[in-house]
Amino acid sequence: MKDRTEVENRKNQIINLIRAFCSQYLDDEYFELSVRLLDKLGRKRAVPFMSGRIEIWAAAIIHALGTINFLFDKSFKPYVTIDEINEFFGTNKSSTGSKSKLIRDLLNLGYFNDEFST
């Protein structure tokens, strides 16, 4: 079990990255959902975001939420491309995609999820 302060520190670093992205590309609702999702991950026995680059986790959280909320569909607002996410965080498609899938599987996220839908 990781030290709670270590988890909080890492969580805050990820939140700061997500805040910057949301203020540039998205909205407050996405930011709030991201924080809620991160909090839920932080309550797991094995906290997944304690290993790996924080940029990848931040990108993957946006990607996971975006996937279930049609963020990548031009007919919806807000709209962002996967490339814009990866460019912003300096990550690549495969890392972001695989972490996003891990998050969606861990938290059982799908379309029209009551807790994480916009």
C-alpha atoms as a PDB file:
ATOM      1  CA  MET A   1       0.000   0.000   0.000  1.00  0.00           C
ATOM      2  CA  LYS A   2       1.396   3.356  -1.036  1.00  0.00           C
ATOM      3  CA  ASP A   3       1.628   6.226   1.401  1.00  0.00           C
ATOM      4  CA  ARG A   4      -1.529   8.432   1.201  1.00  0.00           C
ATOM      5  CA  THR A   5       0.545  11.615   0.811  1.00  0.00           C
ATOM      6  CA  GLU A   6       2.403  10.059  -2.151  1.00  0.00           C
ATOM      7  CA  VAL A   7      -0.949   9.201  -3.745  1.00  0.00           C
ATOM      8  CA  GLU A   8      -2.276  12.732  -3.099  1.00  0.00           C
ATOM      9  CA  ASN A   9       0.890  14.362  -4.500  1.00  0.00           C
ATOM     10  CA  ARG A  10       0.731  12.318  -7.672  1.00  0.00           C
ATOM     11  CA  LYS A  11      -3.016  12.896  -7.964  1.00  0.00           C
ATOM     12  CA  ASN A  12      -2.480  16.675  -7.681  1.00  0.00           C
ATOM     13  CA  GLN A  13       0.196  16.594 -10.408  1.00  0.00           C
ATOM     14  CA  ILE A  14      -2.226  14.766 -12.725  1.00  0.00           C
ATOM     15  CA  ILE A  15      -5.073  17.159 -11.817  1.00  0.00           C
ATOM     16  CA  ASN A  16      -2.892  20.164 -12.726  1.00  0.00           C
ATOM     17  CA  LEU A  17      -2.175  18.689 -16.170  1.00  0.00           C
ATOM     18  CA  ILE A  18      -5.861  17.912 -16.727  1.00  0.00           C
ATOM     19  CA  ARG A  19      -6.883  21.407 -15.552  1.00  0.00           C
ATOM     20  CA  ALA A  20      -4.555  22.975 -18.128  1.00  0.00           C
ATOM     21  CA  PHE A  21      -5.964  20.774 -20.896  1.00  0.00           C
ATOM     22  CA  CYS A  22      -9.601  21.355 -19.925  1.00  0.00           C
ATOM     23  CA  SER A  23      -9.168  25.126 -19.766  1.00  0.00           C
ATOM     24  CA  GLN A  24      -7.669  25.125 -23.257  1.00  0.00           C
ATOM     25  CA  TYR A  25      -9.831  22.508 -25.030  1.00  0.00           C
ATOM     26  CA  LEU A  26     -12.766  21.401 -22.900  1.00  0.00           C
ATOM     27  CA  ASP A  27     -14.939  22.724 -20.078  1.00  0.00           C
ATOM     28  CA  ASP A  28     -15.497  22.632 -16.317  1.00  0.00           C
ATOM     29  CA  GLU A  29     -17.744  19.605 -16.583  1.00  0.00           C
ATOM     30  CA  TYR A  30     -14.943  17.516 -18.121  1.00  0.00           C
ATOM     31  CA  PHE A  31     -12.549  18.773 -15.470  1.00  0.00           C
ATOM     32  CA  GLU A  32     -14.940  17.804 -12.647  1.00  0.00           C
ATOM     33  CA  LEU A  33     -15.540  14.359 -14.184  1.00  0.00           C
ATOM     34  CA  SER A  34     -11.774  13.877 -14.531  1.00  0.00           C
ATOM     35  CA  VAL A  35     -11.195  14.695 -10.870  1.00  0.00           C
ATOM     36  CA  ARG A  36     -14.015  12.352  -9.837  1.00  0.00           C
ATOM     37  CA  LEU A  37     -12.544   9.569 -11.991  1.00  0.00           C
ATOM     38  CA  LEU A  38      -9.053  10.166 -10.568  1.00  0.00           C
ATOM     39  CA  ASP A  39     -10.446  10.075  -7.005  1.00  0.00           C
ATOM     40  CA  LYS A  40     -12.103   6.752  -7.744  1.00  0.00           C
ATOM     41  CA  LEU A  41      -8.852   5.324  -9.139  1.00  0.00           C
ATOM     42  CA  GLY A  42      -7.066   6.625  -6.040  1.00  0.00           C
ATOM     43  CA  ARG A  43      -9.332   4.524  -3.822  1.00  0.00           C
ATOM     44  CA  LYS A  44      -8.312   1.255  -5.500  1.00  0.00           C
ATOM     45  CA  ARG A  45      -6.244  -1.117  -3.345  1.00  0.00           C
ATOM     46  CA  ALA A  46      -3.464  -0.994  -5.945  1.00  0.00           C
ATOM     47  CA  VAL A  47      -3.562   2.640  -7.072  1.00  0.00           C
ATOM     48  CA  PRO A  48      -2.922   2.357 -10.822  1.00  0.00           C
ATOM     49  CA  PHE A  49      -1.558   5.874 -11.407  1.00  0.00           C
ATOM     50  CA  MET A  50       1.324   5.405  -8.952  1.00  0.00           C
ATOM     51  CA  SER A  51       3.459   3.946 -11.749  1.00  0.00           C
ATOM     52  CA  GLY A  52       4.087   5.309 -15.216  1.00  0.00           C
ATOM     53  CA  ARG A  53       4.300   8.889 -16.492  1.00  0.00           C
ATOM     54  CA  ILE A  54       1.748  11.329 -15.086  1.00  0.00           C
ATOM     55  CA  GLU A  55       1.294  12.769 -18.591  1.00  0.00           C
ATOM     56  CA  ILE A  56       0.114   9.388 -19.860  1.00  0.00           C
ATOM     57  CA  TRP A  57      -2.352   9.056 -16.970  1.00  0.00           C
ATOM     58  CA  ALA A  58      -3.698  12.572 -17.562  1.00  0.00           C
ATOM     59  CA  ALA A  59      -4.110  11.898 -21.294  1.00  0.00           C
ATOM     60  CA  ALA A  60      -5.682   8.496 -20.608  1.00  0.00           C
ATOM     61  CA  ILE A  61      -8.248   9.953 -18.187  1.00  0.00           C
ATOM     62  CA  ILE A  62      -9.339  12.516 -20.792  1.00  0.00           C
ATOM     63  CA  HIS A  63      -9.343   9.759 -23.436  1.00  0.00           C
ATOM     64  CA  ALA A  64     -11.406   7.377 -21.265  1.00  0.00           C
ATOM     65  CA  LEU A  65     -13.995  10.063 -20.488  1.00  0.00           C
ATOM     66  CA  GLY A  66     -13.924  11.227 -24.096  1.00  0.00           C
ATOM     67  CA  THR A  67     -14.555   7.710 -25.353  1.00  0.00           C
ATOM     68  CA  ILE A  68     -17.733   7.250 -23.316  1.00  0.00           C
ATOM     69  CA  ASN A  69     -18.948  10.829 -23.957  1.00  0.00           C
ATOM     70  CA  PHE A  70     -18.465  11.063 -27.750  1.00  0.00           C
ATOM     71  CA  LEU A  71     -15.663  13.639 -27.406  1.00  0.00           C
ATOM     72  CA  PHE A  72     -14.101  12.409 -30.667  1.00  0.00           C
ATOM     73  CA  ASP A  73     -17.332  12.888 -32.653  1.00  0.00           C
ATOM     74  CA  LYS A  74     -17.368  16.164 -34.618  1.00  0.00           C
ATOM     75  CA  SER A  75     -21.142  16.490 -34.246  1.00  0.00           C
ATOM     76  CA  PHE A  76     -20.809  16.843 -30.453  1.00  0.00           C
ATOM     77  CA  LYS A  77     -19.485  19.783 -28.442  1.00  0.00           C
ATOM     78  CA  PRO A  78     -16.904  19.941 -27.009  1.00  0.00           C
ATOM     79  CA  TYR A  79     -14.919  18.134 -29.714  1.00  0.00           C
ATOM     80  CA  VAL A  80     -11.242  17.166 -29.506  1.00  0.00           C
ATOM     81  CA  THR A  81      -9.157  14.775 -31.557  1.00  0.00           C
ATOM     82  CA  ILE A  82      -7.047  12.010 -30.044  1.00  0.00           C
ATOM     83  CA  ASP A  83      -4.057  13.649 -31.739  1.00  0.00           C
ATOM     84  CA  GLU A  84      -4.747  16.939 -29.908  1.00  0.00           C
ATOM     85  CA  ILE A  85      -4.785  15.079 -26.581  1.00  0.00           C
ATOM     86  CA  ASN A  86      -1.500  13.314 -27.327  1.00  0.00           C
ATOM     87  CA  GLU A  87       0.124  16.460 -28.672  1.00  0.00           C
ATOM     88  CA  PHE A  88      -0.846  18.446 -25.574  1.00  0.00           C
ATOM     89  CA  PHE A  89       0.464  15.847 -23.103  1.00  0.00           C
ATOM     90  CA  GLY A  90       3.438  14.708 -25.202  1.00  0.00           C
ATOM     91  CA  THR A  91       2.166  11.131 -25.276  1.00  0.00           C
ATOM     92  CA  ASN A  92       1.603   8.600 -28.039  1.00  0.00           C
ATOM     93  CA  LYS A  93      -1.595   6.960 -29.242  1.00  0.00           C
ATOM     94  CA  SER A  94      -0.772   3.430 -28.108  1.00  0.00           C
ATOM     95  CA  SER A  95       0.215   4.368 -24.532  1.00  0.00           C
ATOM     96  CA  THR A  96      -2.770   6.671 -24.102  1.00  0.00           C
ATOM     97  CA  GLY A  97      -5.139   4.155 -25.676  1.00  0.00           C
ATOM     98  CA  SER A  98      -3.981   1.218 -23.582  1.00  0.00           C
ATOM     99  CA  LYS A  99      -4.124   3.174 -20.293  1.00  0.00           C
ATOM    100  CA  SER A 100      -7.560   4.502 -21.297  1.00  0.00           C
ATOM    101  CA  LYS A 101      -8.749   0.929 -21.861  1.00  0.00           C
ATOM    102  CA  LEU A 102      -7.288  -0.092 -18.493  1.00  0.00           C
ATOM    103  CA  ILE A 103      -9.213   2.744 -16.780  1.00  0.00           C
ATOM    104  CA  ARG A 104     -12.464   1.883 -18.577  1.00  0.00           C
ATOM    105  CA  ASP A 105     -12.076  -1.789 -17.644  1.00  0.00           C
ATOM    106  CA  LEU A 106     -11.102  -1.082 -14.013  1.00  0.00           C
ATOM    107  CA  LEU A 107     -14.074   1.220 -13.453  1.00  0.00           C
ATOM    108  CA  ASN A 108     -16.426  -0.589 -15.815  1.00  0.00           C
ATOM    109  CA  LEU A 109     -17.042   2.534 -17.894  1.00  0.00           C
ATOM    110  CA  GLY A 110     -19.315   2.468 -20.912  1.00  0.00           C
ATOM    111  CA  TYR A 111     -21.624   4.751 -22.864  1.00  0.00           C
ATOM    112  CA  PHE A 112     -24.337   6.433 -20.781  1.00  0.00           C
ATOM    113  CA  ASN A 113     -22.520   5.694 -17.514  1.00  0.00           C
ATOM    114  CA  ASP A 114     -24.520   7.455 -14.787  1.00  0.00           C
ATOM    115  CA  GLU A 115     -21.486   8.603 -12.834  1.00  0.00           C
ATOM    116  CA  PHE A 116     -19.213   9.781 -15.645  1.00  0.00           C
ATOM    117  CA  SER A 117     -21.457  10.980 -18.479  1.00  0.00           C
ATOM    118  CA  THR A 118     -21.603  14.621 -19.509  1.00  0.00           C
END
